[in-house]
Amino acid sequence: MDKEPTLLCIDDDPSVLNVLANYFARKGFKIFTAEDGEIGLKLYHNHHPDIVLVDLKMPKVDGFEVL
């Protein structure tokens, strides 16, 4: 059996995170969410997701720094 694909969503807008997480969960992804780039980087290093969706404009660590 194939491994469940993983997705990390990083966005400072909780409603965007919720919409993306719900959509991709229904598509069969295991979802990790982070409300800023700092948390997102920690999740990335801990879980090594297959795909990362990141907002470019965020406080603290922005999407460009994450990339």
PDB file of N, CA and C in Angstrom:
ATOM      1  N   MET A   1       0.843  -1.184   0.000  1.00  0.00           N
ATOM      2  CA  MET A   1       0.000   0.000   0.000  1.00  0.00           C
ATOM      3  C   MET A   1       0.884   1.241   0.000  1.00  0.00           C
ATOM      4  N   ASP A   2       0.513   2.226  -0.788  1.00  0.00           N
ATOM      5  CA  ASP A   2       1.284   3.460  -0.890  1.00  0.00           C
ATOM      6  C   ASP A   2       1.126   4.303   0.362  1.00  0.00           C
ATOM      7  N   LYS A   3       2.171   5.053   0.663  1.00  0.00           N
ATOM      8  CA  LYS A   3       2.164   5.973   1.801  1.00  0.00           C
ATOM      9  C   LYS A   3       1.211   7.134   1.524  1.00  0.00           C
ATOM     10  N   GLU A   4       0.501   7.549   2.551  1.00  0.00           N
ATOM     11  CA  GLU A   4      -0.378   8.716   2.437  1.00  0.00           C
ATOM     12  C   GLU A   4       0.472   9.955   2.158  1.00  0.00           C
ATOM     13  N   PRO A   5       0.150  10.733   1.102  1.00  0.00           N
ATOM     14  CA  PRO A   5       0.941  11.932   0.822  1.00  0.00           C
ATOM     15  C   PRO A   5       0.759  12.973   1.930  1.00  0.00           C
ATOM     16  N   THR A   6       1.814  13.729   2.186  1.00  0.00           N
ATOM     17  CA  THR A   6       1.767  14.730   3.251  1.00  0.00           C
ATOM     18  C   THR A   6       1.898  16.131   2.668  1.00  0.00           C
ATOM     19  N   LEU A   7       1.234  17.067   3.328  1.00  0.00           N
ATOM     20  CA  LEU A   7       1.197  18.445   2.880  1.00  0.00           C
ATOM     21  C   LEU A   7       1.348  19.367   4.077  1.00  0.00           C
ATOM     22  N   LEU A   8       2.232  20.340   3.964  1.00  0.00           N
ATOM     23  CA  LEU A   8       2.408  21.370   4.984  1.00  0.00           C
ATOM     24  C   LEU A   8       1.886  22.686   4.433  1.00  0.00           C
ATOM     25  N   CYS A   9       0.927  23.287   5.124  1.00  0.00           N
ATOM     26  CA  CYS A   9       0.385  24.599   4.764  1.00  0.00           C
ATOM     27  C   CYS A   9       0.874  25.610   5.794  1.00  0.00           C
ATOM     28  N   ILE A  10       1.488  26.682   5.308  1.00  0.00           N
ATOM     29  CA  ILE A  10       1.980  27.741   6.187  1.00  0.00           C
ATOM     30  C   ILE A  10       1.320  29.050   5.768  1.00  0.00           C
ATOM     31  N   ASP A  11       0.509  29.619   6.675  1.00  0.00           N
ATOM     32  CA  ASP A  11      -0.185  30.872   6.387  1.00  0.00           C
ATOM     33  C   ASP A  11      -0.586  31.521   7.699  1.00  0.00           C
ATOM     34  N   ASP A  12      -0.471  32.839   7.768  1.00  0.00           N
ATOM     35  CA  ASP A  12      -0.829  33.546   9.002  1.00  0.00           C
ATOM     36  C   ASP A  12      -2.327  33.823   9.109  1.00  0.00           C
ATOM     37  N   ASP A  13      -3.101  33.475   8.116  1.00  0.00           N
ATOM     38  CA  ASP A  13      -4.556  33.659   8.139  1.00  0.00           C
ATOM     39  C   ASP A  13      -5.218  32.323   8.493  1.00  0.00           C
ATOM     40  N   PRO A  14      -5.807  32.209   9.693  1.00  0.00           N
ATOM     41  CA  PRO A  14      -6.406  30.941  10.117  1.00  0.00           C
ATOM     42  C   PRO A  14      -7.496  30.423   9.176  1.00  0.00           C
ATOM     43  N   SER A  15      -8.255  31.326   8.556  1.00  0.00           N
ATOM     44  CA  SER A  15      -9.318  30.871   7.656  1.00  0.00           C
ATOM     45  C   SER A  15      -8.732  30.226   6.399  1.00  0.00           C
ATOM     46  N   VAL A  16      -7.620  30.756   5.902  1.00  0.00           N
ATOM     47  CA  VAL A  16      -6.957  30.158   4.742  1.00  0.00           C
ATOM     48  C   VAL A  16      -6.423  28.774   5.111  1.00  0.00           C
ATOM     49  N   LEU A  17      -5.772  28.677   6.265  1.00  0.00           N
ATOM     50  CA  LEU A  17      -5.268  27.376   6.718  1.00  0.00           C
ATOM     51  C   LEU A  17      -6.389  26.360   6.815  1.00  0.00           C
ATOM     52  N   ASN A  18      -7.510  26.767   7.369  1.00  0.00           N
ATOM     53  CA  ASN A  18      -8.648  25.870   7.549  1.00  0.00           C
ATOM     54  C   ASN A  18      -9.187  25.381   6.205  1.00  0.00           C
ATOM     55  N   VAL A  19      -9.378  26.298   5.266  1.00  0.00           N
ATOM     56  CA  VAL A  19      -9.896  25.923   3.945  1.00  0.00           C
ATOM     57  C   VAL A  19      -8.941  24.962   3.244  1.00  0.00           C
ATOM     58  N   LEU A  20      -7.647  25.306   3.226  1.00  0.00           N
ATOM     59  CA  LEU A  20      -6.673  24.441   2.561  1.00  0.00           C
ATOM     60  C   LEU A  20      -6.573  23.071   3.227  1.00  0.00           C
ATOM     61  N   ALA A  21      -6.517  23.065   4.552  1.00  0.00           N
ATOM     62  CA  ALA A  21      -6.404  21.795   5.284  1.00  0.00           C
ATOM     63  C   ALA A  21      -7.612  20.904   5.011  1.00  0.00           C
ATOM     64  N   ASN A  22      -8.795  21.464   5.064  1.00  0.00           N
ATOM     65  CA  ASN A  22     -10.001  20.672   4.812  1.00  0.00           C
ATOM     66  C   ASN A  22     -10.047  20.148   3.381  1.00  0.00           C
ATOM     67  N   TYR A  23      -9.714  20.995   2.430  1.00  0.00           N
ATOM     68  CA  TYR A  23      -9.748  20.585   1.024  1.00  0.00           C
ATOM     69  C   TYR A  23      -8.778  19.430   0.761  1.00  0.00           C
ATOM     70  N   PHE A  24      -7.530  19.611   1.178  1.00  0.00           N
ATOM     71  CA  PHE A  24      -6.534  18.584   0.880  1.00  0.00           C
ATOM     72  C   PHE A  24      -6.716  17.325   1.725  1.00  0.00           C
ATOM     73  N   ALA A  25      -7.271  17.450   2.916  1.00  0.00           N
ATOM     74  CA  ALA A  25      -7.578  16.262   3.716  1.00  0.00           C
ATOM     75  C   ALA A  25      -8.626  15.407   2.998  1.00  0.00           C
ATOM     76  N   ARG A  26      -9.619  16.056   2.404  1.00  0.00           N
ATOM     77  CA  ARG A  26     -10.634  15.320   1.642  1.00  0.00           C
ATOM     78  C   ARG A  26     -10.031  14.651   0.410  1.00  0.00           C
ATOM     79  N   LYS A  27      -8.931  15.170  -0.082  1.00  0.00           N
ATOM     80  CA  LYS A  27      -8.244  14.594  -1.250  1.00  0.00           C
ATOM     81  C   LYS A  27      -7.261  13.490  -0.849  1.00  0.00           C
ATOM     82  N   GLY A  28      -7.173  13.192   0.449  1.00  0.00           N
ATOM     83  CA  GLY A  28      -6.340  12.086   0.900  1.00  0.00           C
ATOM     84  C   GLY A  28      -4.976  12.443   1.452  1.00  0.00           C
ATOM     85  N   PHE A  29      -4.713  13.719   1.683  1.00  0.00           N
ATOM     86  CA  PHE A  29      -3.427  14.139   2.228  1.00  0.00           C
ATOM     87  C   PHE A  29      -3.455  14.133   3.748  1.00  0.00           C
ATOM     88  N   LYS A  30      -2.331  13.806   4.344  1.00  0.00           N
ATOM     89  CA  LYS A  30      -2.119  14.050   5.765  1.00  0.00           C
ATOM     90  C   LYS A  30      -1.626  15.488   5.859  1.00  0.00           C
ATOM     91  N   ILE A  31      -2.270  16.304   6.678  1.00  0.00           N
ATOM     92  CA  ILE A  31      -2.039  17.745   6.702  1.00  0.00           C
ATOM     93  C   ILE A  31      -1.301  18.188   7.965  1.00  0.00           C
ATOM     94  N   PHE A  32      -0.336  19.070   7.763  1.00  0.00           N
ATOM     95  CA  PHE A  32       0.314  19.790   8.855  1.00  0.00           C
ATOM     96  C   PHE A  32       0.086  21.271   8.571  1.00  0.00           C
ATOM     97  N   THR A  33      -0.236  22.046   9.604  1.00  0.00           N
ATOM     98  CA  THR A  33      -0.460  23.477   9.411  1.00  0.00           C
ATOM     99  C   THR A  33       0.407  24.280  10.378  1.00  0.00           C
ATOM    100  N   ALA A  34       0.787  25.462   9.907  1.00  0.00           N
ATOM    101  CA  ALA A  34       1.575  26.374  10.732  1.00  0.00           C
ATOM    102  C   ALA A  34       1.113  27.797  10.470  1.00  0.00           C
ATOM    103  N   GLU A  35       1.034  28.598  11.522  1.00  0.00           N
ATOM    104  CA  GLU A  35       0.559  29.977  11.387  1.00  0.00           C
ATOM    105  C   GLU A  35       1.676  30.975  11.141  1.00  0.00           C
ATOM    106  N   ASP A  36       2.916  30.519  11.088  1.00  0.00           N
ATOM    107  CA  ASP A  36       4.017  31.394  10.688  1.00  0.00           C
ATOM    108  C   ASP A  36       5.175  30.550  10.173  1.00  0.00           C
ATOM    109  N   GLY A  37       6.130  31.209   9.545  1.00  0.00           N
ATOM    110  CA  GLY A  37       7.240  30.506   8.935  1.00  0.00           C
ATOM    111  C   GLY A  37       8.136  29.779   9.920  1.00  0.00           C
ATOM    112  N   GLU A  38       8.280  30.332  11.101  1.00  0.00           N
ATOM    113  CA  GLU A  38       9.127  29.706  12.122  1.00  0.00           C
ATOM    114  C   GLU A  38       8.568  28.333  12.515  1.00  0.00           C
ATOM    115  N   ILE A  39       7.281  28.295  12.787  1.00  0.00           N
ATOM    116  CA  ILE A  39       6.643  27.015  13.128  1.00  0.00           C
ATOM    117  C   ILE A  39       6.661  26.088  11.916  1.00  0.00           C
ATOM    118  N   GLY A  40       6.419  26.666  10.732  1.00  0.00           N
ATOM    119  CA  GLY A  40       6.427  25.871   9.516  1.00  0.00           C
ATOM    120  C   GLY A  40       7.760  25.181   9.271  1.00  0.00           C
ATOM    121  N   LEU A  41       8.852  25.891   9.503  1.00  0.00           N
ATOM    122  CA  LEU A  41      10.176  25.287   9.320  1.00  0.00           C
ATOM    123  C   LEU A  41      10.404  24.133  10.300  1.00  0.00           C
ATOM    124  N   LYS A  42       9.947  24.299  11.531  1.00  0.00           N
ATOM    125  CA  LYS A  42      10.077  23.212  12.514  1.00  0.00           C
ATOM    126  C   LYS A  42       9.282  21.987  12.061  1.00  0.00           C
ATOM    127  N   LEU A  43       8.051  22.221  11.602  1.00  0.00           N
ATOM    128  CA  LEU A  43       7.238  21.104  11.121  1.00  0.00           C
ATOM    129  C   LEU A  43       7.877  20.442   9.902  1.00  0.00           C
ATOM    130  N   TYR A  44       8.430  21.254   9.021  1.00  0.00           N
ATOM    131  CA  TYR A  44       9.094  20.708   7.833  1.00  0.00           C
ATOM    132  C   TYR A  44      10.241  19.779   8.229  1.00  0.00           C
ATOM    133  N   HIS A  45      11.074  20.227   9.146  1.00  0.00           N
ATOM    134  CA  HIS A  45      12.225  19.427   9.559  1.00  0.00           C
ATOM    135  C   HIS A  45      11.815  18.181  10.339  1.00  0.00           C
ATOM    136  N   ASN A  46      10.695  18.235  11.047  1.00  0.00           N
ATOM    137  CA  ASN A  46      10.225  17.081  11.815  1.00  0.00           C
ATOM    138  C   ASN A  46       9.495  16.049  10.968  1.00  0.00           C
ATOM    139  N   HIS A  47       8.791  16.492   9.917  1.00  0.00           N
ATOM    140  CA  HIS A  47       7.905  15.579   9.177  1.00  0.00           C
ATOM    141  C   HIS A  47       8.270  15.386   7.703  1.00  0.00           C
ATOM    142  N   HIS A  48       9.117  16.229   7.145  1.00  0.00           N
ATOM    143  CA  HIS A  48       9.539  16.119   5.739  1.00  0.00           C
ATOM    144  C   HIS A  48       8.345  15.885   4.804  1.00  0.00           C
ATOM    145  N   PRO A  49       7.405  16.845   4.748  1.00  0.00           N
ATOM    146  CA  PRO A  49       6.212  16.668   3.915  1.00  0.00           C
ATOM    147  C   PRO A  49       6.563  16.594   2.430  1.00  0.00           C
ATOM    148  N   ASP A  50       5.680  15.976   1.675  1.00  0.00           N
ATOM    149  CA  ASP A  50       5.863  15.848   0.238  1.00  0.00           C
ATOM    150  C   ASP A  50       5.675  17.186  -0.481  1.00  0.00           C
ATOM    151  N   ILE A  51       4.739  18.003   0.017  1.00  0.00           N
ATOM    152  CA  ILE A  51       4.408  19.289  -0.606  1.00  0.00           C
ATOM    153  C   ILE A  51       4.318  20.360   0.477  1.00  0.00           C
ATOM    154  N   VAL A  52       4.774  21.573   0.154  1.00  0.00           N
ATOM    155  CA  VAL A  52       4.640  22.714   1.065  1.00  0.00           C
ATOM    156  C   VAL A  52       3.957  23.845   0.311  1.00  0.00           C
ATOM    157  N   LEU A  53       2.873  24.357   0.877  1.00  0.00           N
ATOM    158  CA  LEU A  53       2.208  25.562   0.379  1.00  0.00           C
ATOM    159  C   LEU A  53       2.495  26.658   1.400  1.00  0.00           C
ATOM    160  N   VAL A  54       3.077  27.763   0.942  1.00  0.00           N
ATOM    161  CA  VAL A  54       3.483  28.798   1.895  1.00  0.00           C
ATOM    162  C   VAL A  54       3.056  30.177   1.399  1.00  0.00           C
ATOM    163  N   ASP A  55       2.485  30.945   2.318  1.00  0.00           N
ATOM    164  CA  ASP A  55       2.153  32.349   2.072  1.00  0.00           C
ATOM    165  C   ASP A  55       3.469  33.127   2.043  1.00  0.00           C
ATOM    166  N   LEU A  56       3.625  34.013   1.091  1.00  0.00           N
ATOM    167  CA  LEU A  56       4.882  34.751   0.987  1.00  0.00           C
ATOM    168  C   LEU A  56       4.971  35.922   1.958  1.00  0.00           C
ATOM    169  N   LYS A  57       3.831  36.559   2.266  1.00  0.00           N
ATOM    170  CA  LYS A  57       3.848  37.732   3.147  1.00  0.00           C
ATOM    171  C   LYS A  57       3.286  37.350   4.519  1.00  0.00           C
ATOM    172  N   MET A  58       4.196  37.167   5.486  1.00  0.00           N
ATOM    173  CA  MET A  58       3.823  36.827   6.858  1.00  0.00           C
ATOM    174  C   MET A  58       4.756  37.562   7.806  1.00  0.00           C
ATOM    175  N   PRO A  59       4.297  37.810   9.035  1.00  0.00           N
ATOM    176  CA  PRO A  59       5.192  38.398  10.031  1.00  0.00           C
ATOM    177  C   PRO A  59       6.236  37.369  10.475  1.00  0.00           C
ATOM    178  N   LYS A  60       7.213  37.817  11.196  1.00  0.00           N
ATOM    179  CA  LYS A  60       8.321  36.980  11.684  1.00  0.00           C
ATOM    180  C   LYS A  60       9.100  36.434  10.493  1.00  0.00           C
ATOM    181  N   VAL A  61       8.966  35.165  10.237  1.00  0.00           N
ATOM    182  CA  VAL A  61       9.656  34.504   9.115  1.00  0.00           C
ATOM    183  C   VAL A  61       8.670  34.433   7.962  1.00  0.00           C
ATOM    184  N   ASP A  62       8.956  35.147   6.865  1.00  0.00           N
ATOM    185  CA  ASP A  62       8.018  35.159   5.747  1.00  0.00           C
ATOM    186  C   ASP A  62       8.285  33.983   4.799  1.00  0.00           C
ATOM    187  N   GLY A  63       7.423  33.856   3.797  1.00  0.00           N
ATOM    188  CA  GLY A  63       7.514  32.744   2.865  1.00  0.00           C
ATOM    189  C   GLY A  63       8.806  32.693   2.078  1.00  0.00           C
ATOM    190  N   PHE A  64       9.381  33.849   1.763  1.00  0.00           N
ATOM    191  CA  PHE A  64      10.656  33.870   1.046  1.00  0.00           C
ATOM    192  C   PHE A  64      11.773  33.275   1.892  1.00  0.00           C
ATOM    193  N   GLU A  65      11.756  33.579   3.183  1.00  0.00           N
ATOM    194  CA  GLU A  65      12.758  33.000   4.080  1.00  0.00           C
ATOM    195  C   GLU A  65      12.562  31.501   4.220  1.00  0.00           C
ATOM    196  N   VAL A  66      11.315  31.053   4.248  1.00  0.00           N
ATOM    197  CA  VAL A  66      11.030  29.626   4.329  1.00  0.00           C
ATOM    198  C   VAL A  66      11.591  28.914   3.109  1.00  0.00           C
ATOM    199  N   LEU A  67      11.376  29.513   1.936  1.00  0.00           N
ATOM    200  CA  LEU A  67      11.880  28.900   0.701  1.00  0.00           C
ATOM    201  C   LEU A  67      13.398  28.847   0.704  1.00  0.00           C
TER     202      LEU A  67
END
